[in-house]
Amino acid sequence: MSIFKHPVSGVWYVDFIDPRGKRTRRSTKTKDKDQAQRFEAKLKVELWERKVSVEPVSVTFDEAALAYMKTIDHLRDQMPRFCMSGTGACTLEVKVFAL
């Protein structure tokens, strides 16, 4: 059970990791523990069904390669935040070969 009572308002909250690995914290909007537990169970089922209902997607190699390159471009933009300034230790080199 992952519900807790807010110390000031007395309202119950749910707090758990959903099936996609993201933290979910919501108010149950009730001061009744039984209603809060039902809310939590219903929310978990809803999130699990949403996770399971995603159908697999067929992706071509070209689409996957393009998505990868976009990710690399994003990482290249983020490099200065992760590197120690002045050392020159962080470099990102991407080589693309045309077939």
N, C-alpha and C. Protein backbone atom coordinates (compact mmCIF):
# COMPACT_ATOMS: atom_id res chain seq x y z
N MET A 1 0.85 -1.17 0.00
CA MET A 1 0.00 0.00 0.00
C MET A 1 0.89 1.23 0.00
N SER A 2 0.60 2.15 -0.90
CA SER A 2 1.43 3.33 -1.01
C SER A 2 0.58 4.59 -0.91
N ILE A 3 -0.16 4.67 0.18
CA ILE A 3 -0.92 5.88 0.42
C ILE A 3 -0.43 6.48 1.73
N PHE A 4 -0.56 7.80 1.81
CA PHE A 4 -0.20 8.46 3.06
C PHE A 4 -1.15 9.63 3.30
N LYS A 5 -1.29 9.96 4.56
CA LYS A 5 -2.20 11.03 4.97
C LYS A 5 -1.41 12.32 5.14
N HIS A 6 -1.89 13.37 4.49
CA HIS A 6 -1.22 14.67 4.63
C HIS A 6 -1.38 15.14 6.07
N PRO A 7 -0.27 15.54 6.70
CA PRO A 7 -0.33 15.86 8.13
C PRO A 7 -1.19 17.07 8.47
N VAL A 8 -1.35 18.01 7.55
CA VAL A 8 -2.11 19.22 7.86
C VAL A 8 -3.57 19.09 7.42
N SER A 9 -3.79 18.67 6.17
CA SER A 9 -5.15 18.63 5.63
C SER A 9 -5.91 17.36 6.02
N GLY A 10 -5.19 16.28 6.27
CA GLY A 10 -5.84 15.01 6.58
C GLY A 10 -6.32 14.25 5.34
N VAL A 11 -6.02 14.78 4.16
CA VAL A 11 -6.40 14.13 2.91
C VAL A 11 -5.37 13.06 2.58
N TRP A 12 -5.84 11.93 2.05
CA TRP A 12 -4.95 10.83 1.68
C TRP A 12 -4.38 11.05 0.29
N TYR A 13 -3.11 10.69 0.11
CA TYR A 13 -2.42 10.79 -1.17
C TYR A 13 -1.88 9.42 -1.57
N VAL A 14 -1.77 9.19 -2.88
CA VAL A 14 -1.10 7.99 -3.38
C VAL A 14 0.28 8.41 -3.84
N ASP A 15 1.24 7.51 -3.67
CA ASP A 15 2.62 7.78 -4.06
C ASP A 15 3.26 6.44 -4.41
N PHE A 16 3.50 6.22 -5.72
CA PHE A 16 4.08 4.95 -6.16
C PHE A 16 4.77 5.15 -7.50
N ILE A 17 5.51 4.13 -7.92
CA ILE A 17 6.16 4.11 -9.22
C ILE A 17 5.24 3.37 -10.19
N ASP A 18 4.87 4.05 -11.28
CA ASP A 18 3.93 3.42 -12.23
C ASP A 18 4.66 2.41 -13.11
N PRO A 19 3.92 1.66 -13.94
CA PRO A 19 4.53 0.61 -14.77
C PRO A 19 5.60 1.12 -15.74
N ARG A 20 5.59 2.39 -16.05
CA ARG A 20 6.61 2.95 -16.96
C ARG A 20 7.83 3.45 -16.21
N GLY A 21 7.81 3.30 -14.88
CA GLY A 21 8.96 3.70 -14.09
C GLY A 21 8.92 5.14 -13.61
N LYS A 22 7.80 5.82 -13.78
CA LYS A 22 7.68 7.21 -13.35
C LYS A 22 6.93 7.28 -12.03
N ARG A 23 7.36 8.22 -11.20
CA ARG A 23 6.72 8.39 -9.91
C ARG A 23 5.36 9.05 -10.09
N THR A 24 4.36 8.50 -9.43
CA THR A 24 3.01 9.05 -9.47
C THR A 24 2.63 9.44 -8.05
N ARG A 25 2.32 10.70 -7.88
CA ARG A 25 1.87 11.19 -6.58
C ARG A 25 0.65 12.06 -6.82
N ARG A 26 -0.49 11.64 -6.27
CA ARG A 26 -1.74 12.37 -6.47
C ARG A 26 -2.57 12.38 -5.20
N SER A 27 -3.38 13.40 -5.10
CA SER A 27 -4.34 13.46 -4.01
C SER A 27 -5.52 12.55 -4.33
N THR A 28 -6.01 11.85 -3.31
CA THR A 28 -7.22 11.04 -3.51
C THR A 28 -8.46 11.89 -3.29
N LYS A 29 -8.27 13.08 -2.78
CA LYS A 29 -9.35 14.05 -2.50
C LYS A 29 -10.36 13.50 -1.51
N THR A 30 -9.89 12.67 -0.60
CA THR A 30 -10.77 12.13 0.44
C THR A 30 -10.00 11.98 1.75
N LYS A 31 -10.75 12.05 2.85
CA LYS A 31 -10.17 11.84 4.17
C LYS A 31 -10.47 10.42 4.68
N ASP A 32 -11.16 9.64 3.85
CA ASP A 32 -11.52 8.27 4.20
C ASP A 32 -10.46 7.31 3.66
N LYS A 33 -9.87 6.52 4.53
CA LYS A 33 -8.78 5.62 4.13
C LYS A 33 -9.25 4.55 3.15
N ASP A 34 -10.44 3.98 3.36
CA ASP A 34 -10.94 2.94 2.46
C ASP A 34 -11.16 3.49 1.05
N GLN A 35 -11.73 4.68 0.95
CA GLN A 35 -11.92 5.30 -0.36
C GLN A 35 -10.57 5.59 -1.01
N ALA A 36 -9.60 5.99 -0.23
CA ALA A 36 -8.26 6.27 -0.75
C ALA A 36 -7.62 4.99 -1.29
N GLN A 37 -7.80 3.88 -0.59
CA GLN A 37 -7.24 2.62 -1.06
C GLN A 37 -7.92 2.17 -2.36
N ARG A 38 -9.23 2.38 -2.47
CA ARG A 38 -9.92 2.04 -3.72
C ARG A 38 -9.43 2.93 -4.87
N PHE A 39 -9.23 4.22 -4.58
CA PHE A 39 -8.71 5.15 -5.58
C PHE A 39 -7.35 4.68 -6.07
N GLU A 40 -6.49 4.29 -5.13
CA GLU A 40 -5.15 3.83 -5.48
C GLU A 40 -5.21 2.58 -6.37
N ALA A 41 -6.04 1.62 -5.99
CA ALA A 41 -6.16 0.38 -6.77
C ALA A 41 -6.67 0.67 -8.18
N LYS A 42 -7.68 1.52 -8.28
CA LYS A 42 -8.24 1.87 -9.59
C LYS A 42 -7.20 2.59 -10.45
N LEU A 43 -6.45 3.51 -9.86
CA LEU A 43 -5.42 4.25 -10.59
C LEU A 43 -4.32 3.31 -11.08
N LYS A 44 -3.88 2.38 -10.24
CA LYS A 44 -2.84 1.44 -10.65
C LYS A 44 -3.31 0.57 -11.82
N VAL A 45 -4.56 0.10 -11.75
CA VAL A 45 -5.11 -0.71 -12.85
C VAL A 45 -5.16 0.11 -14.13
N GLU A 46 -5.63 1.35 -14.02
CA GLU A 46 -5.72 2.23 -15.19
C GLU A 46 -4.35 2.46 -15.82
N LEU A 47 -3.36 2.73 -15.01
CA LEU A 47 -2.01 2.96 -15.53
C LEU A 47 -1.41 1.69 -16.12
N TRP A 48 -1.68 0.54 -15.50
CA TRP A 48 -1.16 -0.72 -16.03
C TRP A 48 -1.80 -1.05 -17.37
N GLU A 49 -3.12 -0.84 -17.48
CA GLU A 49 -3.80 -1.11 -18.75
C GLU A 49 -3.30 -0.19 -19.85
N ARG A 50 -3.01 1.04 -19.51
CA ARG A 50 -2.47 1.98 -20.49
C ARG A 50 -1.09 1.52 -20.96
N LYS A 51 -0.29 0.99 -20.06
CA LYS A 51 1.05 0.50 -20.40
C LYS A 51 0.96 -0.73 -21.29
N VAL A 52 0.06 -1.65 -20.96
CA VAL A 52 -0.06 -2.91 -21.68
C VAL A 52 -0.71 -2.71 -23.04
N SER A 53 -1.60 -1.72 -23.16
CA SER A 53 -2.36 -1.55 -24.38
C SER A 53 -1.56 -0.94 -25.54
N VAL A 54 -0.34 -0.52 -25.28
CA VAL A 54 0.48 0.06 -26.34
C VAL A 54 0.90 -1.05 -27.29
N GLU A 55 0.56 -0.89 -28.56
CA GLU A 55 0.90 -1.91 -29.54
C GLU A 55 2.31 -1.69 -30.06
N PRO A 56 3.00 -2.78 -30.36
CA PRO A 56 4.35 -2.65 -30.91
C PRO A 56 4.32 -1.94 -32.26
N VAL A 57 5.36 -1.16 -32.50
CA VAL A 57 5.44 -0.39 -33.73
C VAL A 57 6.54 -0.96 -34.60
N SER A 58 6.25 -1.10 -35.87
CA SER A 58 7.24 -1.56 -36.83
C SER A 58 8.01 -0.35 -37.35
N VAL A 59 9.31 -0.38 -37.19
CA VAL A 59 10.16 0.75 -37.59
C VAL A 59 11.19 0.26 -38.59
N THR A 60 11.37 1.03 -39.65
CA THR A 60 12.40 0.67 -40.63
C THR A 60 13.77 1.07 -40.08
N PHE A 61 14.81 0.53 -40.68
CA PHE A 61 16.16 0.88 -40.27
C PHE A 61 16.41 2.37 -40.47
N ASP A 62 15.94 2.93 -41.58
CA ASP A 62 16.14 4.36 -41.84
C ASP A 62 15.49 5.23 -40.77
N GLU A 63 14.28 4.86 -40.34
CA GLU A 63 13.59 5.62 -39.29
C GLU A 63 14.34 5.52 -37.97
N ALA A 64 14.81 4.32 -37.64
CA ALA A 64 15.56 4.13 -36.40
C ALA A 64 16.87 4.90 -36.43
N ALA A 65 17.55 4.89 -37.57
CA ALA A 65 18.82 5.61 -37.69
C ALA A 65 18.59 7.12 -37.56
N LEU A 66 17.52 7.63 -38.14
CA LEU A 66 17.22 9.05 -38.05
C LEU A 66 16.91 9.44 -36.60
N ALA A 67 16.14 8.61 -35.91
CA ALA A 67 15.84 8.87 -34.50
C ALA A 67 17.11 8.86 -33.66
N TYR A 68 18.02 7.94 -33.96
CA TYR A 68 19.29 7.87 -33.24
C TYR A 68 20.11 9.13 -33.48
N MET A 69 20.16 9.59 -34.72
CA MET A 69 20.93 10.78 -35.04
C MET A 69 20.36 12.02 -34.34
N LYS A 70 19.04 12.09 -34.24
CA LYS A 70 18.43 13.21 -33.52
C LYS A 70 18.80 13.17 -32.04
N THR A 71 18.86 11.96 -31.49
CA THR A 71 19.27 11.81 -30.09
C THR A 71 20.71 12.26 -29.90
N ILE A 72 21.57 11.86 -30.82
CA ILE A 72 22.98 12.26 -30.74
C ILE A 72 23.11 13.77 -30.84
N ASP A 73 22.33 14.40 -31.73
CA ASP A 73 22.37 15.86 -31.84
C ASP A 73 21.95 16.50 -30.52
N HIS A 74 20.94 15.94 -29.89
CA HIS A 74 20.49 16.46 -28.60
C HIS A 74 21.60 16.31 -27.55
N LEU A 75 22.26 15.18 -27.53
CA LEU A 75 23.35 14.96 -26.58
C LEU A 75 24.51 15.91 -26.83
N ARG A 76 24.79 16.16 -28.08
CA ARG A 76 25.88 17.07 -28.42
C ARG A 76 25.58 18.47 -27.87
N ASP A 77 24.31 18.88 -27.96
CA ASP A 77 23.91 20.18 -27.42
C ASP A 77 24.06 20.22 -25.90
N GLN A 78 23.92 19.07 -25.24
CA GLN A 78 23.98 19.00 -23.79
C GLN A 78 25.39 18.79 -23.26
N MET A 79 26.35 18.50 -24.12
CA MET A 79 27.71 18.15 -23.67
C MET A 79 28.34 19.16 -22.72
N PRO A 80 28.26 20.46 -22.96
CA PRO A 80 28.94 21.39 -22.05
C PRO A 80 28.46 21.29 -20.61
N ARG A 81 27.21 20.90 -20.38
CA ARG A 81 26.72 20.78 -19.01
C ARG A 81 27.35 19.60 -18.30
N PHE A 82 27.70 18.55 -19.02
CA PHE A 82 28.20 17.33 -18.41
C PHE A 82 29.73 17.25 -18.36
N CYS A 83 30.40 18.10 -19.09
CA CYS A 83 31.86 18.04 -19.16
C CYS A 83 32.49 19.03 -18.20
N MET A 84 33.67 18.70 -17.76
CA MET A 84 34.43 19.62 -16.94
C MET A 84 35.05 20.66 -17.86
N SER A 85 34.83 21.90 -17.57
CA SER A 85 35.31 22.95 -18.47
C SER A 85 36.83 23.03 -18.44
N GLY A 86 37.37 23.24 -19.62
CA GLY A 86 38.81 23.46 -19.74
C GLY A 86 39.65 22.22 -19.89
N THR A 87 39.11 21.04 -19.65
CA THR A 87 39.94 19.84 -19.72
C THR A 87 40.01 19.27 -21.12
N GLY A 88 38.97 19.52 -21.92
CA GLY A 88 38.94 18.95 -23.25
C GLY A 88 38.71 17.44 -23.22
N ALA A 89 38.26 16.92 -22.07
CA ALA A 89 38.10 15.48 -21.92
C ALA A 89 36.82 14.96 -22.58
N CYS A 90 35.85 15.81 -22.75
CA CYS A 90 34.58 15.36 -23.32
C CYS A 90 34.51 15.75 -24.79
N THR A 91 34.46 14.76 -25.62
CA THR A 91 34.25 15.00 -27.04
C THR A 91 33.23 14.00 -27.54
N LEU A 92 32.50 14.40 -28.54
CA LEU A 92 31.50 13.52 -29.13
C LEU A 92 31.72 13.56 -30.62
N GLU A 93 32.04 12.43 -31.19
CA GLU A 93 32.30 12.34 -32.61
C GLU A 93 31.33 11.35 -33.22
N VAL A 94 30.65 11.81 -34.25
CA VAL A 94 29.68 10.96 -34.94
C VAL A 94 30.07 10.88 -36.40
N LYS A 95 30.21 9.66 -36.89
CA LYS A 95 30.53 9.45 -38.29
C LYS A 95 29.35 8.78 -38.96
N VAL A 96 28.93 9.33 -40.06
CA VAL A 96 27.81 8.78 -40.80
C VAL A 96 28.33 8.31 -42.16
N PHE A 97 28.03 7.09 -42.48
CA PHE A 97 28.45 6.51 -43.75
C PHE A 97 27.23 6.30 -44.63
N ALA A 98 27.28 6.83 -45.82
CA ALA A 98 26.19 6.63 -46.77
C ALA A 98 26.40 5.31 -47.50
N LEU A 99 25.33 4.58 -47.68
CA LEU A 99 25.42 3.30 -48.38
C LEU A 99 25.01 3.44 -49.82
